[in-house]
């Protein structure tokens, strides 16, 4: 198992604020293969909104 840390702005999120379907599928595949996906961001918990909140990081 590996821990995979992904930054929110510019990595997970496009400039318009959504997460591309290809990114979601890649994260799901990594999780199915036993890896843990972690959100690495400087945002406060209350700033994690929209698509970021919909995904199980």
PDB file of N, CA and C in Angstrom:
ATOM      1  N   UNK A   1       0.835  -1.176   0.000  1.00  0.00           N
ATOM      2  CA  UNK A   1       0.000   0.000   0.000  1.00  0.00           C
ATOM      3  C   UNK A   1       0.880   1.239   0.000  1.00  0.00           C
ATOM      4  N   UNK A   2       0.455   2.225  -0.752  1.00  0.00           N
ATOM      5  CA  UNK A   2       1.128   3.512  -0.792  1.00  0.00           C
ATOM      6  C   UNK A   2       0.138   4.596  -0.396  1.00  0.00           C
ATOM      7  N   UNK A   3       0.664   5.666   0.169  1.00  0.00           N
ATOM      8  CA  UNK A   3      -0.129   6.862   0.409  1.00  0.00           C
ATOM      9  C   UNK A   3       0.133   7.809  -0.746  1.00  0.00           C
ATOM     10  N   UNK A   4      -0.920   8.265  -1.381  1.00  0.00           N
ATOM     11  CA  UNK A   4      -0.797   9.188  -2.502  1.00  0.00           C
ATOM     12  C   UNK A   4      -1.409  10.514  -2.082  1.00  0.00           C
ATOM     13  N   UNK A   5      -0.594  11.549  -2.012  1.00  0.00           N
ATOM     14  CA  UNK A   5      -1.066  12.878  -1.648  1.00  0.00           C
ATOM     15  C   UNK A   5      -1.245  13.703  -2.916  1.00  0.00           C
ATOM     16  N   UNK A   6      -2.421  14.272  -3.084  1.00  0.00           N
ATOM     17  CA  UNK A   6      -2.722  15.100  -4.247  1.00  0.00           C
ATOM     18  C   UNK A   6      -3.110  16.504  -3.799  1.00  0.00           C
ATOM     19  N   UNK A   7      -2.522  17.490  -4.426  1.00  0.00           N
ATOM     20  CA  UNK A   7      -2.864  18.881  -4.155  1.00  0.00           C
ATOM     21  C   UNK A   7      -4.205  19.189  -4.811  1.00  0.00           C
ATOM     22  N   UNK A   8      -4.939  20.107  -4.249  1.00  0.00           N
ATOM     23  CA  UNK A   8      -6.257  20.451  -4.784  1.00  0.00           C
ATOM     24  C   UNK A   8      -6.142  21.356  -6.012  1.00  0.00           C
ATOM     25  N   UNK A   9      -5.649  22.546  -5.824  1.00  0.00           N
ATOM     26  CA  UNK A   9      -5.657  23.551  -6.888  1.00  0.00           C
ATOM     27  C   UNK A   9      -4.573  23.290  -7.932  1.00  0.00           C
ATOM     28  N   UNK A  10      -5.020  23.107  -9.166  1.00  0.00           N
ATOM     29  CA  UNK A  10      -4.098  22.883 -10.269  1.00  0.00           C
ATOM     30  C   UNK A  10      -3.707  21.430 -10.473  1.00  0.00           C
ATOM     31  N   UNK A  11      -3.980  20.573  -9.515  1.00  0.00           N
ATOM     32  CA  UNK A  11      -3.676  19.153  -9.657  1.00  0.00           C
ATOM     33  C   UNK A  11      -4.976  18.377  -9.784  1.00  0.00           C
ATOM     34  N   UNK A  12      -5.791  18.387  -8.751  1.00  0.00           N
ATOM     35  CA  UNK A  12      -7.092  17.723  -8.818  1.00  0.00           C
ATOM     36  C   UNK A  12      -8.124  18.582  -9.529  1.00  0.00           C
ATOM     37  N   UNK A  13      -8.162  19.838  -9.177  1.00  0.00           N
ATOM     38  CA  UNK A  13      -9.186  20.739  -9.714  1.00  0.00           C
ATOM     39  C   UNK A  13      -8.697  21.474 -10.950  1.00  0.00           C
ATOM     40  N   UNK A  14      -9.554  21.513 -11.975  1.00  0.00           N
ATOM     41  CA  UNK A  14      -9.298  22.385 -13.119  1.00  0.00           C
ATOM     42  C   UNK A  14      -9.513  23.816 -12.667  1.00  0.00           C
ATOM     43  N   UNK A  15      -9.126  24.756 -13.474  1.00  0.00           N
ATOM     44  CA  UNK A  15      -9.285  26.160 -13.118  1.00  0.00           C
ATOM     45  C   UNK A  15     -10.747  26.560 -12.930  1.00  0.00           C
ATOM     46  N   UNK A  16     -11.675  25.794 -13.534  1.00  0.00           N
ATOM     47  CA  UNK A  16     -13.096  26.116 -13.369  1.00  0.00           C
ATOM     48  C   UNK A  16     -13.710  25.427 -12.150  1.00  0.00           C
ATOM     49  N   UNK A  17     -12.890  24.714 -11.367  1.00  0.00           N
ATOM     50  CA  UNK A  17     -13.357  24.166 -10.097  1.00  0.00           C
ATOM     51  C   UNK A  17     -13.906  22.756 -10.119  1.00  0.00           C
ATOM     52  N   UNK A  18     -13.763  22.039 -11.238  1.00  0.00           N
ATOM     53  CA  UNK A  18     -14.251  20.656 -11.249  1.00  0.00           C
ATOM     54  C   UNK A  18     -13.087  19.678 -11.361  1.00  0.00           C
ATOM     55  N   UNK A  19     -13.335  18.451 -10.929  1.00  0.00           N
ATOM     56  CA  UNK A  19     -12.343  17.380 -11.043  1.00  0.00           C
ATOM     57  C   UNK A  19     -12.682  16.584 -12.300  1.00  0.00           C
ATOM     58  N   UNK A  20     -11.735  16.433 -13.226  1.00  0.00           N
ATOM     59  CA  UNK A  20     -12.003  15.678 -14.450  1.00  0.00           C
ATOM     60  C   UNK A  20     -12.351  14.213 -14.151  1.00  0.00           C
ATOM     61  N   UNK A  21     -13.219  13.647 -14.957  1.00  0.00           N
ATOM     62  CA  UNK A  21     -13.632  12.255 -14.787  1.00  0.00           C
ATOM     63  C   UNK A  21     -12.425  11.313 -14.826  1.00  0.00           C
ATOM     64  N   UNK A  22     -11.442  11.617 -15.660  1.00  0.00           N
ATOM     65  CA  UNK A  22     -10.252  10.765 -15.758  1.00  0.00           C
ATOM     66  C   UNK A  22      -9.478  10.739 -14.438  1.00  0.00           C
ATOM     67  N   UNK A  23      -9.458  11.854 -13.734  1.00  0.00           N
ATOM     68  CA  UNK A  23      -8.779  11.928 -12.441  1.00  0.00           C
ATOM     69  C   UNK A  23      -9.530  11.111 -11.397  1.00  0.00           C
ATOM     70  N   UNK A  24     -10.857  11.220 -11.412  1.00  0.00           N
ATOM     71  CA  UNK A  24     -11.678  10.451 -10.479  1.00  0.00           C
ATOM     72  C   UNK A  24     -11.481   8.958 -10.709  1.00  0.00           C
ATOM     73  N   UNK A  25     -11.478   8.538 -11.973  1.00  0.00           N
ATOM     74  CA  UNK A  25     -11.280   7.122 -12.291  1.00  0.00           C
ATOM     75  C   UNK A  25      -9.903   6.636 -11.860  1.00  0.00           C
ATOM     76  N   UNK A  26      -8.877   7.465 -12.050  1.00  0.00           N
ATOM     77  CA  UNK A  26      -7.524   7.087 -11.633  1.00  0.00           C
ATOM     78  C   UNK A  26      -7.440   6.928 -10.117  1.00  0.00           C
ATOM     79  N   UNK A  27      -8.089   7.813  -9.390  1.00  0.00           N
ATOM     80  CA  UNK A  27      -8.100   7.717  -7.928  1.00  0.00           C
ATOM     81  C   UNK A  27      -8.849   6.468  -7.476  1.00  0.00           C
ATOM     82  N   UNK A  28      -9.973   6.177  -8.115  1.00  0.00           N
ATOM     83  CA  UNK A  28     -10.740   4.979  -7.771  1.00  0.00           C
ATOM     84  C   UNK A  28      -9.931   3.713  -8.043  1.00  0.00           C
ATOM     85  N   UNK A  29      -9.219   3.682  -9.159  1.00  0.00           N
ATOM     86  CA  UNK A  29      -8.388   2.521  -9.497  1.00  0.00           C
ATOM     87  C   UNK A  29      -7.275   2.335  -8.472  1.00  0.00           C
ATOM     88  N   UNK A  30      -6.646   3.439  -8.079  1.00  0.00           N
ATOM     89  CA  UNK A  30      -5.589   3.353  -7.067  1.00  0.00           C
ATOM     90  C   UNK A  30      -6.152   2.813  -5.756  1.00  0.00           C
ATOM     91  N   UNK A  31      -7.339   3.264  -5.366  1.00  0.00           N
ATOM     92  CA  UNK A  31      -7.960   2.782  -4.132  1.00  0.00           C
ATOM     93  C   UNK A  31      -8.316   1.306  -4.239  1.00  0.00           C
ATOM     94  N   UNK A  32      -8.804   0.875  -5.387  1.00  0.00           N
ATOM     95  CA  UNK A  32      -9.126  -0.542  -5.589  1.00  0.00           C
ATOM     96  C   UNK A  32      -7.884  -1.416  -5.505  1.00  0.00           C
ATOM     97  N   UNK A  33      -6.728  -0.823  -5.849  1.00  0.00           N
ATOM     98  CA  UNK A  33      -5.460  -1.555  -5.777  1.00  0.00           C
ATOM     99  C   UNK A  33      -4.806  -1.447  -4.405  1.00  0.00           C
ATOM    100  N   UNK A  34      -5.569  -0.926  -3.427  1.00  0.00           N
ATOM    101  CA  UNK A  34      -5.103  -0.917  -2.046  1.00  0.00           C
ATOM    102  C   UNK A  34      -4.362   0.322  -1.592  1.00  0.00           C
ATOM    103  N   UNK A  35      -4.310   1.339  -2.427  1.00  0.00           N
ATOM    104  CA  UNK A  35      -3.607   2.567  -2.064  1.00  0.00           C
ATOM    105  C   UNK A  35      -4.571   3.542  -1.391  1.00  0.00           C
ATOM    106  N   UNK A  36      -4.031   4.416  -0.573  1.00  0.00           N
ATOM    107  CA  UNK A  36      -4.811   5.449   0.107  1.00  0.00           C
ATOM    108  C   UNK A  36      -4.567   6.785  -0.590  1.00  0.00           C
ATOM    109  N   UNK A  37      -5.651   7.493  -0.903  1.00  0.00           N
ATOM    110  CA  UNK A  37      -5.562   8.807  -1.529  1.00  0.00           C
ATOM    111  C   UNK A  37      -5.803   9.854  -0.446  1.00  0.00           C
ATOM    112  N   UNK A  38      -4.878  10.804  -0.335  1.00  0.00           N
ATOM    113  CA  UNK A  38      -4.991  11.856   0.672  1.00  0.00           C
ATOM    114  C   UNK A  38      -4.997  13.215  -0.018  1.00  0.00           C
ATOM    115  N   UNK A  39      -5.822  14.094   0.483  1.00  0.00           N
ATOM    116  CA  UNK A  39      -5.874  15.453  -0.043  1.00  0.00           C
ATOM    117  C   UNK A  39      -4.827  16.285   0.677  1.00  0.00           C
ATOM    118  N   UNK A  40      -3.838  16.734  -0.057  1.00  0.00           N
ATOM    119  CA  UNK A  40      -2.793  17.582   0.505  1.00  0.00           C
ATOM    120  C   UNK A  40      -3.049  19.014   0.070  1.00  0.00           C
ATOM    121  N   UNK A  41      -3.487  19.842   0.993  1.00  0.00           N
ATOM    122  CA  UNK A  41      -3.845  21.208   0.633  1.00  0.00           C
ATOM    123  C   UNK A  41      -3.609  22.148   1.806  1.00  0.00           C
ATOM    124  N   UNK A  42      -3.481  23.397   1.502  1.00  0.00           N
ATOM    125  CA  UNK A  42      -3.368  24.412   2.534  1.00  0.00           C
ATOM    126  C   UNK A  42      -4.729  24.953   2.940  1.00  0.00           C
ATOM    127  N   UNK A  43      -5.788  24.394   2.337  1.00  0.00           N
ATOM    128  CA  UNK A  43      -7.140  24.859   2.649  1.00  0.00           C
ATOM    129  C   UNK A  43      -7.567  24.410   4.039  1.00  0.00           C
ATOM    130  N   UNK A  44      -8.407  25.232   4.661  1.00  0.00           N
ATOM    131  CA  UNK A  44      -9.029  24.829   5.911  1.00  0.00           C
ATOM    132  C   UNK A  44     -10.175  23.881   5.580  1.00  0.00           C
ATOM    133  N   UNK A  45     -10.620  23.108   6.559  1.00  0.00           N
ATOM    134  CA  UNK A  45     -11.693  22.137   6.346  1.00  0.00           C
ATOM    135  C   UNK A  45     -12.934  22.808   5.757  1.00  0.00           C
ATOM    136  N   UNK A  46     -13.288  23.993   6.221  1.00  0.00           N
ATOM    137  CA  UNK A  46     -14.482  24.679   5.722  1.00  0.00           C
ATOM    138  C   UNK A  46     -14.332  25.141   4.275  1.00  0.00           C
ATOM    139  N   UNK A  47     -13.108  25.159   3.756  1.00  0.00           N
ATOM    140  CA  UNK A  47     -12.864  25.565   2.373  1.00  0.00           C
ATOM    141  C   UNK A  47     -12.903  24.389   1.396  1.00  0.00           C
ATOM    142  N   UNK A  48     -13.088  23.194   1.909  1.00  0.00           N
ATOM    143  CA  UNK A  48     -13.162  22.012   1.047  1.00  0.00           C
ATOM    144  C   UNK A  48     -14.623  21.846   0.646  1.00  0.00           C
ATOM    145  N   UNK A  49     -14.925  22.310  -0.569  1.00  0.00           N
ATOM    146  CA  UNK A  49     -16.310  22.344  -1.043  1.00  0.00           C
ATOM    147  C   UNK A  49     -16.402  21.749  -2.449  1.00  0.00           C
ATOM    148  N   UNK A  50     -17.599  21.648  -2.953  1.00  0.00           N
ATOM    149  CA  UNK A  50     -17.831  21.220  -4.324  1.00  0.00           C
ATOM    150  C   UNK A  50     -17.328  19.806  -4.592  1.00  0.00           C
ATOM    151  N   UNK A  51     -16.656  19.656  -5.726  1.00  0.00           N
ATOM    152  CA  UNK A  51     -16.158  18.347  -6.148  1.00  0.00           C
ATOM    153  C   UNK A  51     -15.186  17.737  -5.149  1.00  0.00           C
ATOM    154  N   UNK A  52     -14.435  18.568  -4.433  1.00  0.00           N
ATOM    155  CA  UNK A  52     -13.482  18.031  -3.453  1.00  0.00           C
ATOM    156  C   UNK A  52     -14.208  17.284  -2.337  1.00  0.00           C
ATOM    157  N   UNK A  53     -15.361  17.784  -1.955  1.00  0.00           N
ATOM    158  CA  UNK A  53     -16.106  17.183  -0.857  1.00  0.00           C
ATOM    159  C   UNK A  53     -16.821  15.904  -1.278  1.00  0.00           C
ATOM    160  N   UNK A  54     -17.087  15.744  -2.583  1.00  0.00           N
ATOM    161  CA  UNK A  54     -17.807  14.585  -3.092  1.00  0.00           C
ATOM    162  C   UNK A  54     -16.949  13.322  -3.145  1.00  0.00           C
ATOM    163  N   UNK A  55     -15.640  13.466  -3.095  1.00  0.00           N
ATOM    164  CA  UNK A  55     -14.742  12.334  -3.279  1.00  0.00           C
ATOM    165  C   UNK A  55     -14.183  11.845  -1.953  1.00  0.00           C
ATOM    166  N   UNK A  56     -14.060  10.529  -1.810  1.00  0.00           N
ATOM    167  CA  UNK A  56     -13.608   9.940  -0.541  1.00  0.00           C
ATOM    168  C   UNK A  56     -12.092   9.953  -0.362  1.00  0.00           C
ATOM    169  N   UNK A  57     -11.548  11.090   0.036  1.00  0.00           N
ATOM    170  CA  UNK A  57     -10.113  11.185   0.281  1.00  0.00           C
ATOM    171  C   UNK A  57      -9.844  10.889   1.736  1.00  0.00           C
TER     172      UNK A  57
END
